[in-house]
PDB file of all heavy atoms in Angstrom:
ATOM      1  N   THR A   1      84.639  88.378  82.480  1.00  0.00           N
ATOM      2  CA  THR A   1      85.000  89.775  82.744  1.00  0.00           C
ATOM      3  C   THR A   1      86.463  90.070  82.449  1.00  0.00           C
ATOM      4  O   THR A   1      86.865  91.235  82.460  1.00  0.00           O
ATOM      5  CB  THR A   1      84.711  90.151  84.212  1.00  0.00           C
ATOM      6  OG1 THR A   1      85.631  89.474  85.075  1.00  0.00           O
ATOM      7  CG2 THR A   1      83.284  89.786  84.601  1.00  0.00           C
ATOM      8  N   GLY A   2      87.264  89.027  82.216  1.00  0.00           N
ATOM      9  CA  GLY A   2      88.663  89.253  81.868  1.00  0.00           C
ATOM     10  C   GLY A   2      89.644  89.121  83.005  1.00  0.00           C
ATOM     11  O   GLY A   2      90.849  88.990  82.780  1.00  0.00           O
ATOM     12  N   GLN A   3      89.155  89.141  84.259  1.00  0.00           N
ATOM     13  CA  GLN A   3      90.082  89.015  85.386  1.00  0.00           C
ATOM     14  C   GLN A   3      89.347  88.529  86.629  1.00  0.00           C
ATOM     15  O   GLN A   3      88.133  88.724  86.763  1.00  0.00           O
ATOM     16  CB  GLN A   3      90.747  90.354  85.689  1.00  0.00           C
ATOM     17  CG  GLN A   3      89.783  91.451  86.073  1.00  0.00           C
ATOM     18  CD  GLN A   3      90.486  92.770  86.331  1.00  0.00           C
ATOM     19  OE1 GLN A   3      91.679  92.907  86.138  1.00  0.00           O
ATOM     20  NE2 GLN A   3      89.729  93.765  86.788  1.00  0.00           N
ATOM     21  N   ALA A   4      90.103  87.894  87.511  1.00  0.00           N
ATOM     22  CA  ALA A   4      89.552  87.467  88.788  1.00  0.00           C
ATOM     23  C   ALA A   4      89.513  88.654  89.739  1.00  0.00           C
ATOM     24  O   ALA A   4      90.427  89.487  89.734  1.00  0.00           O
ATOM     25  CB  ALA A   4      90.379  86.336  89.373  1.00  0.00           C
ATOM     26  N   SER A   5      88.473  88.725  90.542  1.00  0.00           N
ATOM     27  CA  SER A   5      88.345  89.848  91.467  1.00  0.00           C
ATOM     28  C   SER A   5      88.796  89.432  92.865  1.00  0.00           C
ATOM     29  O   SER A   5      89.208  88.294  93.094  1.00  0.00           O
ATOM     30  CB  SER A   5      86.893  90.323  91.507  1.00  0.00           C
ATOM     31  OG  SER A   5      86.050  89.325  92.049  1.00  0.00           O
ATOM     32  N   THR A   6      88.736  90.363  93.781  1.00  0.00           N
ATOM     33  CA  THR A   6      89.128  90.097  95.169  1.00  0.00           C
ATOM     34  C   THR A   6      87.906  90.242  96.069  1.00  0.00           C
ATOM     35  O   THR A   6      86.877  90.773  95.678  1.00  0.00           O
ATOM     36  CB  THR A   6      90.218  91.070  95.629  1.00  0.00           C
ATOM     37  OG1 THR A   6      89.731  92.417  95.487  1.00  0.00           O
ATOM     38  CG2 THR A   6      91.471  90.900  94.792  1.00  0.00           C
ATOM     39  N   GLY A   7      88.052  89.789  97.299  1.00  0.00           N
ATOM     40  CA  GLY A   7      86.956  89.888  98.257  1.00  0.00           C
ATOM     41  C   GLY A   7      86.482  88.514  98.671  1.00  0.00           C
ATOM     42  O   GLY A   7      87.008  87.487  98.229  1.00  0.00           O
ATOM     43  N   ASP A   8      85.471  88.493  99.538  1.00  0.00           N
ATOM     44  CA  ASP A   8      84.937  87.212  99.989  1.00  0.00           C
ATOM     45  C   ASP A   8      84.080  86.595  98.896  1.00  0.00           C
ATOM     46  O   ASP A   8      83.654  87.252  97.940  1.00  0.00           O
ATOM     47  CB  ASP A   8      84.128  87.385 101.281  1.00  0.00           C
ATOM     48  CG  ASP A   8      82.937  88.301 101.085  1.00  0.00           C
ATOM     49  OD1 ASP A   8      81.875  87.808 100.684  1.00  0.00           O
ATOM     50  OD2 ASP A   8      83.099  89.523 101.318  1.00  0.00           O
ATOM     51  N   LEU A   9      83.812  85.306  99.055  1.00  0.00           N
ATOM     52  CA  LEU A   9      83.098  84.548  98.023  1.00  0.00           C
ATOM     53  C   LEU A   9      81.729  85.127  97.706  1.00  0.00           C
ATOM     54  O   LEU A   9      81.346  85.257  96.540  1.00  0.00           O
ATOM     55  CB  LEU A   9      82.954  83.087  98.470  1.00  0.00           C
ATOM     56  CG  LEU A   9      83.998  82.097  97.974  1.00  0.00           C
ATOM     57  CD1 LEU A   9      83.749  80.726  98.577  1.00  0.00           C
ATOM     58  CD2 LEU A   9      83.988  82.002  96.462  1.00  0.00           C
ATOM     59  N   SER A  10      80.973  85.470  98.739  1.00  0.00           N
ATOM     60  CA  SER A  10      79.591  85.913  98.507  1.00  0.00           C
ATOM     61  C   SER A  10      79.539  87.233  97.747  1.00  0.00           C
ATOM     62  O   SER A  10      78.719  87.403  96.835  1.00  0.00           O
ATOM     63  CB  SER A  10      78.831  86.032  99.836  1.00  0.00           C
ATOM     64  OG  SER A  10      79.450  86.981 100.684  1.00  0.00           O
ATOM     65  N   SER A  11      80.411  88.173  98.099  1.00  0.00           N
ATOM     66  CA  SER A  11      80.392  89.457  97.397  1.00  0.00           C
ATOM     67  C   SER A  11      80.888  89.299  95.954  1.00  0.00           C
ATOM     68  O   SER A  11      80.364  89.939  95.038  1.00  0.00           O
ATOM     69  CB  SER A  11      81.250  90.487  98.141  1.00  0.00           C
ATOM     70  OG  SER A  11      82.602  90.083  98.198  1.00  0.00           O
ATOM     71  N   ARG A  12      81.884  88.446  95.744  1.00  0.00           N
ATOM     72  CA  ARG A  12      82.366  88.194  94.379  1.00  0.00           C
ATOM     73  C   ARG A  12      81.279  87.507  93.559  1.00  0.00           C
ATOM     74  O   ARG A  12      81.081  87.828  92.386  1.00  0.00           O
ATOM     75  CB  ARG A  12      83.621  87.324  94.425  1.00  0.00           C
ATOM     76  CG  ARG A  12      84.860  88.047  94.947  1.00  0.00           C
ATOM     77  CD  ARG A  12      85.999  87.076  95.156  1.00  0.00           C
ATOM     78  NE  ARG A  12      86.359  86.388  93.914  1.00  0.00           N
ATOM     79  CZ  ARG A  12      87.140  85.304  93.872  1.00  0.00           C
ATOM     80  NH1 ARG A  12      87.640  84.798  95.002  1.00  0.00           N
ATOM     81  NH2 ARG A  12      87.429  84.743  92.724  1.00  0.00           N
ATOM     82  N   ARG A  13      80.588  86.554  94.173  1.00  0.00           N
ATOM     83  CA  ARG A  13      79.483  85.874  93.473  1.00  0.00           C
ATOM     84  C   ARG A  13      78.420  86.873  93.053  1.00  0.00           C
ATOM     85  O   ARG A  13      77.981  86.887  91.897  1.00  0.00           O
ATOM     86  CB  ARG A  13      78.875  84.815  94.396  1.00  0.00           C
ATOM     87  CG  ARG A  13      77.624  84.126  93.856  1.00  0.00           C
ATOM     88  CD  ARG A  13      76.785  83.590  94.995  1.00  0.00           C
ATOM     89  NE  ARG A  13      76.350  84.669  95.871  1.00  0.00           N
ATOM     90  CZ  ARG A  13      76.011  84.487  97.154  1.00  0.00           C
ATOM     91  NH1 ARG A  13      76.083  83.298  97.702  1.00  0.00           N
ATOM     92  NH2 ARG A  13      75.618  85.524  97.880  1.00  0.00           N
ATOM     93  N   ASP A  14      77.982  87.729  93.986  1.00  0.00           N
ATOM     94  CA  ASP A  14      76.927  88.700  93.686  1.00  0.00           C
ATOM     95  C   ASP A  14      77.368  89.682  92.607  1.00  0.00           C
ATOM     96  O   ASP A  14      76.570  90.083  91.750  1.00  0.00           O
ATOM     97  CB  ASP A  14      76.530  89.450  94.953  1.00  0.00           C
ATOM     98  CG  ASP A  14      75.861  88.539  95.984  1.00  0.00           C
ATOM     99  OD1 ASP A  14      75.430  87.438  95.603  1.00  0.00           O
ATOM    100  OD2 ASP A  14      75.788  88.939  97.164  1.00  0.00           O
ATOM    101  N   ARG A  15      78.640  90.068  92.652  1.00  0.00           N
ATOM    102  CA  ARG A  15      79.163  91.016  91.665  1.00  0.00           C
ATOM    103  C   ARG A  15      79.180  90.374  90.271  1.00  0.00           C
ATOM    104  O   ARG A  15      78.807  91.015  89.286  1.00  0.00           O
ATOM    105  CB  ARG A  15      80.563  91.461  92.081  1.00  0.00           C
ATOM    106  CG  ARG A  15      81.102  92.642  91.292  1.00  0.00           C
ATOM    107  CD  ARG A  15      82.204  93.359  92.053  1.00  0.00           C
ATOM    108  NE  ARG A  15      83.282  92.473  92.470  1.00  0.00           N
ATOM    109  CZ  ARG A  15      83.609  92.233  93.743  1.00  0.00           C
ATOM    110  NH1 ARG A  15      82.946  92.808  94.723  1.00  0.00           N
ATOM    111  NH2 ARG A  15      84.625  91.432  94.045  1.00  0.00           N
ATOM    112  N   LEU A  16      79.583  89.125  90.194  1.00  0.00           N
ATOM    113  CA  LEU A  16      79.611  88.447  88.900  1.00  0.00           C
ATOM    114  C   LEU A  16      78.196  88.229  88.366  1.00  0.00           C
ATOM    115  O   LEU A  16      77.951  88.387  87.168  1.00  0.00           O
ATOM    116  CB  LEU A  16      80.348  87.105  89.014  1.00  0.00           C
ATOM    117  CG  LEU A  16      80.448  86.291  87.722  1.00  0.00           C
ATOM    118  CD1 LEU A  16      81.113  87.110  86.611  1.00  0.00           C
ATOM    119  CD2 LEU A  16      81.205  84.993  87.956  1.00  0.00           C
ATOM    120  N   ILE A  17      77.260  87.881  89.243  1.00  0.00           N
ATOM    121  CA  ILE A  17      75.863  87.720  88.820  1.00  0.00           C
ATOM    122  C   ILE A  17      75.361  89.006  88.172  1.00  0.00           C
ATOM    123  O   ILE A  17      74.754  88.992  87.092  1.00  0.00           O
ATOM    124  CB  ILE A  17      74.968  87.337  90.019  1.00  0.00           C
ATOM    125  CG1 ILE A  17      75.225  85.883  90.448  1.00  0.00           C
ATOM    126  CG2 ILE A  17      73.483  87.519  89.676  1.00  0.00           C
ATOM    127  CD1 ILE A  17      74.505  85.478  91.719  1.00  0.00           C
ATOM    128  N   GLU A  18      75.630  90.132  88.818  1.00  0.00           N
ATOM    129  CA  GLU A  18      75.164  91.422  88.287  1.00  0.00           C
ATOM    130  C   GLU A  18      75.835  91.737  86.948  1.00  0.00           C
ATOM    131  O   GLU A  18      75.173  92.219  86.014  1.00  0.00           O
ATOM    132  CB  GLU A  18      75.462  92.526  89.304  1.00  0.00           C
ATOM    133  CG  GLU A  18      74.934  93.902  88.910  1.00  0.00           C
ATOM    134  CD  GLU A  18      73.423  93.932  88.755  1.00  0.00           C
ATOM    135  OE1 GLU A  18      72.726  93.142  89.443  1.00  0.00           O
ATOM    136  OE2 GLU A  18      72.930  94.730  87.927  1.00  0.00           O
ATOM    137  N   GLN A  19      77.120  91.453  86.833  1.00  0.00           N
ATOM    138  CA  GLN A  19      77.813  91.707  85.570  1.00  0.00           C
ATOM    139  C   GLN A  19      77.263  90.834  84.442  1.00  0.00           C
ATOM    140  O   GLN A  19      77.065  91.303  83.315  1.00  0.00           O
ATOM    141  CB  GLN A  19      79.316  91.474  85.750  1.00  0.00           C
ATOM    142  CG  GLN A  19      80.002  92.523  86.612  1.00  0.00           C
ATOM    143  CD  GLN A  19      81.451  92.169  86.915  1.00  0.00           C
ATOM    144  OE1 GLN A  19      81.778  91.021  87.201  1.00  0.00           O
ATOM    145  NE2 GLN A  19      82.330  93.153  86.845  1.00  0.00           N
ATOM    146  N   LEU A  20      77.004  89.571  84.738  1.00  0.00           N
ATOM    147  CA  LEU A  20      76.453  88.661  83.731  1.00  0.00           C
ATOM    148  C   LEU A  20      75.088  89.134  83.249  1.00  0.00           C
ATOM    149  O   LEU A  20      74.803  89.146  82.044  1.00  0.00           O
ATOM    150  CB  LEU A  20      76.336  87.249  84.314  1.00  0.00           C
ATOM    151  CG  LEU A  20      77.645  86.503  84.583  1.00  0.00           C
ATOM    152  CD1 LEU A  20      77.391  85.300  85.471  1.00  0.00           C
ATOM    153  CD2 LEU A  20      78.299  86.072  83.273  1.00  0.00           C
ATOM    154  N   LEU A  21      74.246  89.520  84.190  1.00  0.00           N
ATOM    155  CA  LEU A  21      72.905  89.969  83.835  1.00  0.00           C
ATOM    156  C   LEU A  21      72.952  91.245  83.013  1.00  0.00           C
ATOM    157  O   LEU A  21      72.236  91.390  82.011  1.00  0.00           O
ATOM    158  CB  LEU A  21      72.065  90.170  85.093  1.00  0.00           C
ATOM    159  CG  LEU A  21      71.749  88.902  85.904  1.00  0.00           C
ATOM    160  CD1 LEU A  21      71.015  89.265  87.188  1.00  0.00           C
ATOM    161  CD2 LEU A  21      70.913  87.925  85.083  1.00  0.00           C
ATOM    162  N   GLN A  22      73.796  92.189  83.421  1.00  0.00           N
ATOM    163  CA  GLN A  22      73.890  93.452  82.691  1.00  0.00           C
ATOM    164  C   GLN A  22      74.426  93.241  81.274  1.00  0.00           C
ATOM    165  O   GLN A  22      73.955  93.881  80.322  1.00  0.00           O
ATOM    166  CB  GLN A  22      74.775  94.430  83.452  1.00  0.00           C
ATOM    167  CG  GLN A  22      74.127  95.016  84.701  1.00  0.00           C
ATOM    168  CD  GLN A  22      75.005  96.044  85.381  1.00  0.00           C
ATOM    169  OE1 GLN A  22      76.090  96.370  84.899  1.00  0.00           O
ATOM    170  NE2 GLN A  22      74.542  96.569  86.510  1.00  0.00           N
ATOM    171  N   GLN A  23      75.391  92.348  81.119  1.00  0.00           N
ATOM    172  CA  GLN A  23      75.937  92.070  79.791  1.00  0.00           C
ATOM    173  C   GLN A  23      74.848  91.571  78.846  1.00  0.00           C
ATOM    174  O   GLN A  23      74.752  91.998  77.694  1.00  0.00           O
ATOM    175  CB  GLN A  23      77.061  91.029  79.884  1.00  0.00           C
ATOM    176  CG  GLN A  23      78.356  91.549  80.474  1.00  0.00           C
ATOM    177  CD  GLN A  23      79.364  90.433  80.704  1.00  0.00           C
ATOM    178  OE1 GLN A  23      79.104  89.269  80.412  1.00  0.00           O
ATOM    179  NE2 GLN A  23      80.533  90.798  81.235  1.00  0.00           N
ATOM    180  N   ALA A  24      74.019  90.653  79.336  1.00  0.00           N
ATOM    181  CA  ALA A  24      72.946  90.101  78.500  1.00  0.00           C
ATOM    182  C   ALA A  24      71.826  91.112  78.292  1.00  0.00           C
ATOM    183  O   ALA A  24      71.287  91.241  77.185  1.00  0.00           O
ATOM    184  CB  ALA A  24      72.407  88.825  79.138  1.00  0.00           C
ATOM    185  N   GLU A  25      71.470  91.842  79.351  1.00  0.00           N
ATOM    186  CA  GLU A  25      70.369  92.809  79.241  1.00  0.00           C
ATOM    187  C   GLU A  25      70.687  93.914  78.238  1.00  0.00           C
ATOM    188  O   GLU A  25      69.801  94.360  77.492  1.00  0.00           O
ATOM    189  CB  GLU A  25      70.065  93.401  80.618  1.00  0.00           C
ATOM    190  CG  GLU A  25      69.358  92.428  81.546  1.00  0.00           C
ATOM    191  CD  GLU A  25      69.350  92.886  82.997  1.00  0.00           C
ATOM    192  OE1 GLU A  25      70.154  93.781  83.354  1.00  0.00           O
ATOM    193  OE2 GLU A  25      68.546  92.349  83.772  1.00  0.00           O
ATOM    194  N   GLN A  26      71.923  94.359  78.208  1.00  0.00           N
ATOM    195  CA  GLN A  26      72.302  95.437  77.289  1.00  0.00           C
ATOM    196  C   GLN A  26      72.125  95.030  75.833  1.00  0.00           C
ATOM    197  O   GLN A  26      71.747  95.848  74.991  1.00  0.00           O
ATOM    198  CB  GLN A  26      73.749  95.854  77.556  1.00  0.00           C
ATOM    199  CG  GLN A  26      73.935  96.633  78.843  1.00  0.00           C
ATOM    200  CD  GLN A  26      75.390  96.846  79.202  1.00  0.00           C
ATOM    201  OE1 GLN A  26      76.298  96.451  78.459  1.00  0.00           O
ATOM    202  NE2 GLN A  26      75.633  97.457  80.360  1.00  0.00           N
ATOM    203  N   ARG A  27      72.361  93.784  75.523  1.00  0.00           N
ATOM    204  CA  ARG A  27      72.227  93.316  74.134  1.00  0.00           C
ATOM    205  C   ARG A  27      70.776  93.338  73.660  1.00  0.00           C
ATOM    206  O   ARG A  27      70.500  93.438  72.457  1.00  0.00           O
ATOM    207  CB  ARG A  27      72.785  91.894  73.998  1.00  0.00           C
ATOM    208  CG  ARG A  27      74.287  91.859  73.787  1.00  0.00           C
ATOM    209  CD  ARG A  27      74.798  90.457  73.542  1.00  0.00           C
ATOM    210  NE  ARG A  27      73.957  89.647  72.690  1.00  0.00           N
ATOM    211  CZ  ARG A  27      73.937  89.710  71.356  1.00  0.00           C
ATOM    212  NH1 ARG A  27      74.697  90.581  70.721  1.00  0.00           N
ATOM    213  NH2 ARG A  27      73.169  88.910  70.657  1.00  0.00           N
ATOM    214  N   TYR A  28      69.832  93.225  74.587  1.00  0.00           N
ATOM    215  CA  TYR A  28      68.414  93.156  74.202  1.00  0.00           C
ATOM    216  C   TYR A  28      67.622  94.365  74.700  1.00  0.00           C
ATOM    217  O   TYR A  28      66.395  94.335  74.731  1.00  0.00           O
ATOM    218  CB  TYR A  28      67.803  91.849  74.744  1.00  0.00           C
ATOM    219  CG  TYR A  28      68.513  90.636  74.192  1.00  0.00           C
ATOM    220  CD1 TYR A  28      69.539  90.017  74.925  1.00  0.00           C
ATOM    221  CD2 TYR A  28      68.211  90.134  72.936  1.00  0.00           C
ATOM    222  CE1 TYR A  28      70.223  88.930  74.414  1.00  0.00           C
ATOM    223  CE2 TYR A  28      68.888  89.032  72.419  1.00  0.00           C
ATOM    224  CZ  TYR A  28      69.894  88.446  73.161  1.00  0.00           C
ATOM    225  OH  TYR A  28      70.576  87.370  72.653  1.00  0.00           O
ATOM    226  N   ASP A  29      68.350  95.404  75.092  1.00  0.00           N
ATOM    227  CA  ASP A  29      67.720  96.648  75.561  1.00  0.00           C
ATOM    228  C   ASP A  29      66.728  96.386  76.694  1.00  0.00           C
ATOM    229  O   ASP A  29      65.643  96.983  76.746  1.00  0.00           O
ATOM    230  CB  ASP A  29      66.999  97.359  74.399  1.00  0.00           C
ATOM    231  CG  ASP A  29      67.969  97.828  73.329  1.00  0.00           C
ATOM    232  OD1 ASP A  29      69.091  98.234  73.681  1.00  0.00           O
ATOM    233  OD2 ASP A  29      67.608  97.761  72.136  1.00  0.00           O
TER     234      ASP A  29
END
């Protein structure tokens, strides 16, 4: 994503999971 985020571990983990999935999903519609 280009930068480290803030917050507790679990919320940062969930946020990164969602970003990773969206990045891949967008490429394959």
